[in-house]
């Protein structure tokens, strides 16, 4: 797998999701997307293992929830059908199969769309 173009993802977040994104901080392998409700999404790509990445929507200070997708092979989640890919749905211990693409750049839009739908109340 190749390095992910974080700058391009930043543009996608700021332009295509301008209705929910207030700003984005970018580094070489990560970004923090600040949302209109004062929550944020951390996007991380490993520099050592190019196939390892995660999307983490932090909402604990607002309503106690977190949503995150990652593909780390946690032995705890080995029974998930999409292992090692899995989704923490609202709580760290509530793990379900992931329907996101295995390609991080392709999975980016659907994850932000998920946040957009939740923020609009269209769950």
N, C-alpha and C. Protein backbone atom coordinates (compact mmCIF):
# COMPACT_ATOMS: atom_id res chain seq x y z
N UNK A 1 0.84 -1.18 0.00
CA UNK A 1 0.00 0.00 0.00
C UNK A 1 0.89 1.24 0.00
N UNK A 2 0.43 2.29 -0.64
CA UNK A 2 1.20 3.53 -0.73
C UNK A 2 0.83 4.47 0.42
N UNK A 3 1.66 5.51 0.58
CA UNK A 3 1.34 6.52 1.57
C UNK A 3 0.05 7.23 1.18
N UNK A 4 -0.74 7.58 2.17
CA UNK A 4 -1.99 8.29 1.94
C UNK A 4 -1.70 9.78 1.81
N UNK A 5 -2.35 10.43 0.87
CA UNK A 5 -2.20 11.87 0.66
C UNK A 5 -3.12 12.60 1.65
N UNK A 6 -2.58 12.90 2.81
CA UNK A 6 -3.37 13.52 3.88
C UNK A 6 -3.86 14.90 3.46
N UNK A 7 -3.06 15.61 2.68
CA UNK A 7 -3.47 16.93 2.20
C UNK A 7 -4.72 16.87 1.34
N UNK A 8 -4.80 15.84 0.51
CA UNK A 8 -5.98 15.67 -0.34
C UNK A 8 -7.21 15.35 0.52
N UNK A 9 -7.03 14.53 1.55
CA UNK A 9 -8.14 14.22 2.45
C UNK A 9 -8.60 15.46 3.21
N UNK A 10 -7.67 16.32 3.54
CA UNK A 10 -8.00 17.58 4.21
C UNK A 10 -8.92 18.42 3.34
N UNK A 11 -8.61 18.49 2.05
CA UNK A 11 -9.44 19.25 1.12
C UNK A 11 -10.83 18.64 1.02
N UNK A 12 -10.90 17.32 0.96
CA UNK A 12 -12.20 16.64 0.93
C UNK A 12 -13.02 17.02 2.16
N UNK A 13 -12.39 16.96 3.34
CA UNK A 13 -13.10 17.29 4.58
C UNK A 13 -13.59 18.73 4.57
N UNK A 14 -12.74 19.65 4.19
CA UNK A 14 -13.09 21.08 4.23
C UNK A 14 -14.10 21.49 3.16
N UNK A 15 -14.05 20.85 2.00
CA UNK A 15 -14.93 21.24 0.90
C UNK A 15 -16.22 20.42 0.88
N UNK A 16 -16.08 19.10 0.83
CA UNK A 16 -17.26 18.25 0.69
C UNK A 16 -18.09 18.15 1.97
N UNK A 17 -17.46 18.40 3.11
CA UNK A 17 -18.17 18.28 4.39
C UNK A 17 -18.15 19.61 5.14
N UNK A 18 -18.17 20.71 4.38
CA UNK A 18 -18.11 22.06 4.96
C UNK A 18 -19.28 22.34 5.90
N UNK A 19 -20.39 21.63 5.74
CA UNK A 19 -21.54 21.86 6.61
C UNK A 19 -21.31 21.35 8.03
N UNK A 20 -20.33 20.46 8.24
CA UNK A 20 -20.07 19.95 9.59
C UNK A 20 -18.64 20.23 10.06
N UNK A 21 -17.71 20.50 9.14
CA UNK A 21 -16.30 20.69 9.49
C UNK A 21 -16.02 22.18 9.69
N UNK A 22 -15.44 22.50 10.85
CA UNK A 22 -15.08 23.90 11.11
C UNK A 22 -13.62 24.19 10.80
N UNK A 23 -12.73 23.20 11.00
CA UNK A 23 -11.32 23.35 10.66
C UNK A 23 -10.64 21.99 10.70
N UNK A 24 -9.42 21.95 10.13
CA UNK A 24 -8.65 20.72 10.08
C UNK A 24 -7.19 21.03 10.38
N UNK A 25 -6.58 20.27 11.29
CA UNK A 25 -5.14 20.33 11.54
C UNK A 25 -4.52 19.10 10.90
N UNK A 26 -3.42 19.30 10.16
CA UNK A 26 -2.82 18.21 9.39
C UNK A 26 -1.34 18.06 9.74
N UNK A 27 -0.91 16.80 9.87
CA UNK A 27 0.51 16.47 9.94
C UNK A 27 0.80 15.50 8.80
N UNK A 28 1.99 14.99 8.74
CA UNK A 28 2.39 14.08 7.67
C UNK A 28 1.55 12.82 7.61
N UNK A 29 1.14 12.32 8.76
CA UNK A 29 0.44 11.04 8.79
C UNK A 29 -0.85 11.05 9.62
N UNK A 30 -1.31 12.25 9.95
CA UNK A 30 -2.52 12.33 10.78
C UNK A 30 -3.24 13.65 10.53
N UNK A 31 -4.47 13.67 10.96
CA UNK A 31 -5.23 14.91 10.91
C UNK A 31 -6.29 14.91 12.02
N UNK A 32 -6.61 16.09 12.48
CA UNK A 32 -7.71 16.26 13.43
C UNK A 32 -8.72 17.16 12.75
N UNK A 33 -9.94 16.64 12.64
CA UNK A 33 -11.02 17.36 11.99
C UNK A 33 -11.96 17.85 13.08
N UNK A 34 -12.08 19.16 13.21
CA UNK A 34 -12.96 19.75 14.21
C UNK A 34 -14.35 19.94 13.60
N UNK A 35 -15.35 19.50 14.35
CA UNK A 35 -16.72 19.53 13.86
C UNK A 35 -17.55 20.61 14.54
N UNK A 36 -18.66 20.93 13.92
CA UNK A 36 -19.52 22.04 14.35
C UNK A 36 -20.08 21.89 15.75
N UNK A 37 -20.14 20.68 16.27
CA UNK A 37 -20.69 20.45 17.61
C UNK A 37 -19.62 20.41 18.69
N UNK A 38 -18.40 20.82 18.35
CA UNK A 38 -17.24 20.84 19.25
C UNK A 38 -16.62 19.46 19.45
N UNK A 39 -17.05 18.47 18.71
CA UNK A 39 -16.38 17.17 18.74
C UNK A 39 -15.29 17.18 17.68
N UNK A 40 -14.53 16.10 17.60
CA UNK A 40 -13.49 16.03 16.58
C UNK A 40 -13.28 14.59 16.13
N UNK A 41 -12.72 14.48 14.94
CA UNK A 41 -12.36 13.19 14.37
C UNK A 41 -10.85 13.17 14.19
N UNK A 42 -10.20 12.16 14.77
CA UNK A 42 -8.77 11.95 14.55
C UNK A 42 -8.60 10.89 13.47
N UNK A 43 -7.79 11.21 12.50
CA UNK A 43 -7.47 10.29 11.40
C UNK A 43 -5.98 10.02 11.50
N UNK A 44 -5.62 8.74 11.52
CA UNK A 44 -4.21 8.36 11.72
C UNK A 44 -3.81 7.28 10.72
N UNK A 45 -2.63 7.45 10.15
CA UNK A 45 -2.06 6.47 9.23
C UNK A 45 -0.66 6.11 9.72
N UNK A 46 -0.38 4.84 9.84
CA UNK A 46 0.94 4.39 10.30
C UNK A 46 2.00 4.69 9.25
N UNK A 47 3.14 5.17 9.70
CA UNK A 47 4.27 5.39 8.80
C UNK A 47 5.11 4.12 8.66
N UNK A 48 4.96 3.18 9.59
CA UNK A 48 5.74 1.95 9.56
C UNK A 48 5.01 0.81 8.87
N UNK A 49 3.72 0.70 9.14
CA UNK A 49 2.90 -0.36 8.53
C UNK A 49 1.86 0.34 7.66
N UNK A 50 2.13 0.42 6.37
CA UNK A 50 1.33 1.26 5.49
C UNK A 50 -0.12 0.83 5.35
N UNK A 51 -0.45 -0.35 5.81
CA UNK A 51 -1.84 -0.78 5.73
C UNK A 51 -2.61 -0.52 7.01
N UNK A 52 -1.99 0.09 8.00
CA UNK A 52 -2.61 0.32 9.31
C UNK A 52 -3.11 1.76 9.41
N UNK A 53 -4.39 1.90 9.75
CA UNK A 53 -4.96 3.24 9.91
C UNK A 53 -6.18 3.19 10.82
N UNK A 54 -6.62 4.37 11.28
CA UNK A 54 -7.83 4.44 12.09
C UNK A 54 -8.52 5.79 11.92
N UNK A 55 -9.84 5.76 12.12
CA UNK A 55 -10.67 6.95 12.17
C UNK A 55 -11.36 6.92 13.52
N UNK A 56 -11.26 7.99 14.28
CA UNK A 56 -11.77 8.02 15.65
C UNK A 56 -12.57 9.30 15.87
N UNK A 57 -13.86 9.17 16.07
CA UNK A 57 -14.72 10.32 16.34
C UNK A 57 -14.96 10.40 17.83
N UNK A 58 -14.38 11.41 18.44
CA UNK A 58 -14.41 11.59 19.89
C UNK A 58 -15.58 12.48 20.30
N UNK A 59 -16.54 11.90 21.05
CA UNK A 59 -17.72 12.62 21.50
C UNK A 59 -18.00 12.42 22.98
N UNK A 60 -17.05 11.83 23.70
CA UNK A 60 -17.31 11.51 25.11
C UNK A 60 -17.65 12.73 25.94
N UNK A 61 -17.05 13.88 25.65
CA UNK A 61 -17.34 15.08 26.44
C UNK A 61 -18.73 15.64 26.14
N UNK A 62 -19.31 15.25 25.02
CA UNK A 62 -20.64 15.74 24.64
C UNK A 62 -21.76 14.81 25.09
N UNK A 63 -21.64 13.54 24.74
CA UNK A 63 -22.72 12.61 25.06
C UNK A 63 -22.23 11.22 25.50
N UNK A 64 -20.93 11.11 25.76
CA UNK A 64 -20.37 9.86 26.24
C UNK A 64 -20.05 8.83 25.18
N UNK A 65 -20.22 9.20 23.90
CA UNK A 65 -19.98 8.22 22.84
C UNK A 65 -18.64 8.43 22.14
N UNK A 66 -18.17 7.35 21.55
CA UNK A 66 -17.03 7.37 20.64
C UNK A 66 -17.36 6.42 19.50
N UNK A 67 -16.88 6.75 18.35
CA UNK A 67 -17.06 5.89 17.18
C UNK A 67 -15.69 5.80 16.53
N UNK A 68 -15.22 4.58 16.35
CA UNK A 68 -13.97 4.51 15.61
C UNK A 68 -13.81 3.20 14.88
N UNK A 69 -13.17 3.36 13.76
CA UNK A 69 -12.82 2.23 12.90
C UNK A 69 -11.33 2.06 12.99
N UNK A 70 -10.88 0.84 13.11
CA UNK A 70 -9.45 0.59 12.96
C UNK A 70 -9.23 -0.82 12.43
N UNK A 71 -8.02 -1.06 12.01
CA UNK A 71 -7.69 -2.37 11.45
C UNK A 71 -6.50 -3.01 12.16
N UNK A 72 -6.31 -2.63 13.42
CA UNK A 72 -5.29 -3.29 14.22
C UNK A 72 -5.82 -4.67 14.62
N UNK A 73 -5.00 -5.69 14.52
CA UNK A 73 -5.48 -7.05 14.79
C UNK A 73 -5.56 -7.38 16.28
N UNK A 74 -6.44 -6.69 16.98
CA UNK A 74 -6.63 -6.94 18.41
C UNK A 74 -7.21 -8.35 18.59
N UNK A 75 -6.53 -9.18 19.32
CA UNK A 75 -6.98 -10.55 19.54
C UNK A 75 -8.38 -10.58 20.15
N UNK A 76 -8.70 -9.56 20.92
CA UNK A 76 -10.01 -9.46 21.57
C UNK A 76 -11.16 -9.48 20.56
N UNK A 77 -10.91 -8.97 19.35
CA UNK A 77 -11.96 -8.85 18.34
C UNK A 77 -11.81 -9.88 17.21
N UNK A 78 -11.10 -10.95 17.46
CA UNK A 78 -10.85 -11.93 16.40
C UNK A 78 -12.10 -12.64 15.90
N UNK A 79 -13.19 -12.61 16.67
CA UNK A 79 -14.42 -13.24 16.23
C UNK A 79 -15.29 -12.34 15.35
N UNK A 80 -14.89 -11.09 15.18
CA UNK A 80 -15.62 -10.18 14.30
C UNK A 80 -15.40 -10.66 12.86
N UNK A 81 -16.45 -10.75 12.09
CA UNK A 81 -16.35 -11.34 10.74
C UNK A 81 -15.40 -10.61 9.81
N UNK A 82 -15.16 -9.34 10.05
CA UNK A 82 -14.26 -8.58 9.17
C UNK A 82 -12.87 -8.40 9.79
N UNK A 83 -12.57 -9.17 10.82
CA UNK A 83 -11.28 -9.10 11.51
C UNK A 83 -10.13 -9.10 10.50
N UNK A 84 -9.14 -8.24 10.67
CA UNK A 84 -8.90 -7.33 11.80
C UNK A 84 -9.65 -6.00 11.71
N UNK A 85 -10.38 -5.77 10.64
CA UNK A 85 -11.14 -4.54 10.46
C UNK A 85 -12.38 -4.59 11.34
N UNK A 86 -12.59 -3.54 12.11
CA UNK A 86 -13.73 -3.53 13.02
C UNK A 86 -14.14 -2.10 13.35
N UNK A 87 -15.35 -1.96 13.89
CA UNK A 87 -15.91 -0.65 14.20
C UNK A 87 -16.40 -0.63 15.64
N UNK A 88 -15.94 0.35 16.40
CA UNK A 88 -16.39 0.58 17.77
C UNK A 88 -17.59 1.52 17.66
N UNK A 89 -18.77 1.00 17.92
CA UNK A 89 -20.00 1.71 17.64
C UNK A 89 -20.60 2.36 18.89
N UNK A 90 -20.07 3.51 19.24
CA UNK A 90 -20.60 4.27 20.36
C UNK A 90 -19.85 4.08 21.67
N UNK A 91 -19.17 2.95 21.80
CA UNK A 91 -18.44 2.63 23.03
C UNK A 91 -17.27 1.73 22.68
N UNK A 92 -16.20 1.82 23.44
CA UNK A 92 -14.99 1.02 23.15
C UNK A 92 -15.27 -0.47 23.14
N UNK A 93 -16.19 -0.93 23.98
CA UNK A 93 -16.46 -2.36 24.08
C UNK A 93 -17.56 -2.85 23.12
N UNK A 94 -18.22 -1.94 22.44
CA UNK A 94 -19.28 -2.32 21.50
C UNK A 94 -18.69 -2.38 20.10
N UNK A 95 -18.19 -3.55 19.74
CA UNK A 95 -17.47 -3.73 18.48
C UNK A 95 -18.30 -4.57 17.52
N UNK A 96 -18.38 -4.08 16.28
CA UNK A 96 -19.13 -4.78 15.24
C UNK A 96 -18.26 -4.88 13.98
N UNK A 97 -18.73 -5.67 13.04
CA UNK A 97 -18.03 -5.79 11.76
C UNK A 97 -18.02 -4.43 11.06
N UNK A 98 -16.98 -4.20 10.29
CA UNK A 98 -16.86 -2.94 9.57
C UNK A 98 -17.33 -3.10 8.14
N UNK A 99 -18.06 -2.09 7.67
CA UNK A 99 -18.46 -2.09 6.27
C UNK A 99 -17.65 -1.09 5.45
N UNK A 100 -16.62 -0.51 6.07
CA UNK A 100 -15.77 0.44 5.35
C UNK A 100 -14.81 -0.29 4.42
N UNK A 101 -14.39 0.41 3.39
CA UNK A 101 -13.40 -0.14 2.46
C UNK A 101 -12.10 -0.43 3.19
N UNK A 102 -11.37 -1.39 2.69
CA UNK A 102 -10.05 -1.70 3.24
C UNK A 102 -9.01 -0.65 2.82
N UNK A 103 -9.35 0.16 1.84
CA UNK A 103 -8.48 1.23 1.37
C UNK A 103 -8.78 2.50 2.16
N UNK A 104 -7.79 3.03 2.88
CA UNK A 104 -8.06 4.18 3.75
C UNK A 104 -8.59 5.41 3.03
N UNK A 105 -8.12 5.69 1.82
CA UNK A 105 -8.62 6.87 1.12
C UNK A 105 -10.07 6.69 0.67
N UNK A 106 -10.45 5.48 0.36
CA UNK A 106 -11.83 5.20 -0.04
C UNK A 106 -12.75 5.21 1.18
N UNK A 107 -12.25 4.77 2.32
CA UNK A 107 -13.06 4.71 3.55
C UNK A 107 -13.30 6.08 4.17
N UNK A 108 -12.52 7.07 3.77
CA UNK A 108 -12.59 8.40 4.38
C UNK A 108 -13.97 9.05 4.23
N UNK A 109 -14.47 9.12 3.02
CA UNK A 109 -15.77 9.76 2.78
C UNK A 109 -16.91 9.07 3.53
N UNK A 110 -17.01 7.74 3.47
CA UNK A 110 -18.09 7.10 4.21
C UNK A 110 -18.03 7.35 5.72
N UNK A 111 -16.82 7.45 6.28
CA UNK A 111 -16.73 7.72 7.71
C UNK A 111 -17.23 9.14 8.01
N UNK A 112 -16.81 10.11 7.20
CA UNK A 112 -17.30 11.47 7.40
C UNK A 112 -18.80 11.57 7.11
N UNK A 113 -19.30 10.80 6.17
CA UNK A 113 -20.74 10.78 5.90
C UNK A 113 -21.51 10.23 7.10
N UNK A 114 -20.94 9.22 7.76
CA UNK A 114 -21.53 8.67 8.98
C UNK A 114 -21.67 9.78 10.03
N UNK A 115 -20.60 10.54 10.25
CA UNK A 115 -20.64 11.64 11.21
C UNK A 115 -21.66 12.70 10.79
N UNK A 116 -21.67 12.99 9.51
CA UNK A 116 -22.61 13.99 8.98
C UNK A 116 -24.06 13.57 9.23
N UNK A 117 -24.37 12.32 8.97
CA UNK A 117 -25.73 11.82 9.19
C UNK A 117 -26.10 11.88 10.67
N UNK A 118 -25.18 11.49 11.54
CA UNK A 118 -25.45 11.54 12.98
C UNK A 118 -25.68 12.97 13.45
N UNK A 119 -24.85 13.90 12.96
CA UNK A 119 -24.99 15.30 13.37
C UNK A 119 -26.29 15.91 12.86
N UNK A 120 -26.75 15.45 11.74
CA UNK A 120 -28.03 15.95 11.19
C UNK A 120 -29.23 15.26 11.82
N UNK A 121 -28.97 14.20 12.61
CA UNK A 121 -30.06 13.46 13.23
C UNK A 121 -30.70 12.45 12.30
N UNK A 122 -30.00 12.09 11.23
CA UNK A 122 -30.53 11.12 10.25
C UNK A 122 -29.85 9.78 10.41
N UNK A 123 -29.90 9.20 11.58
CA UNK A 123 -29.21 7.95 11.85
C UNK A 123 -29.92 6.78 11.21
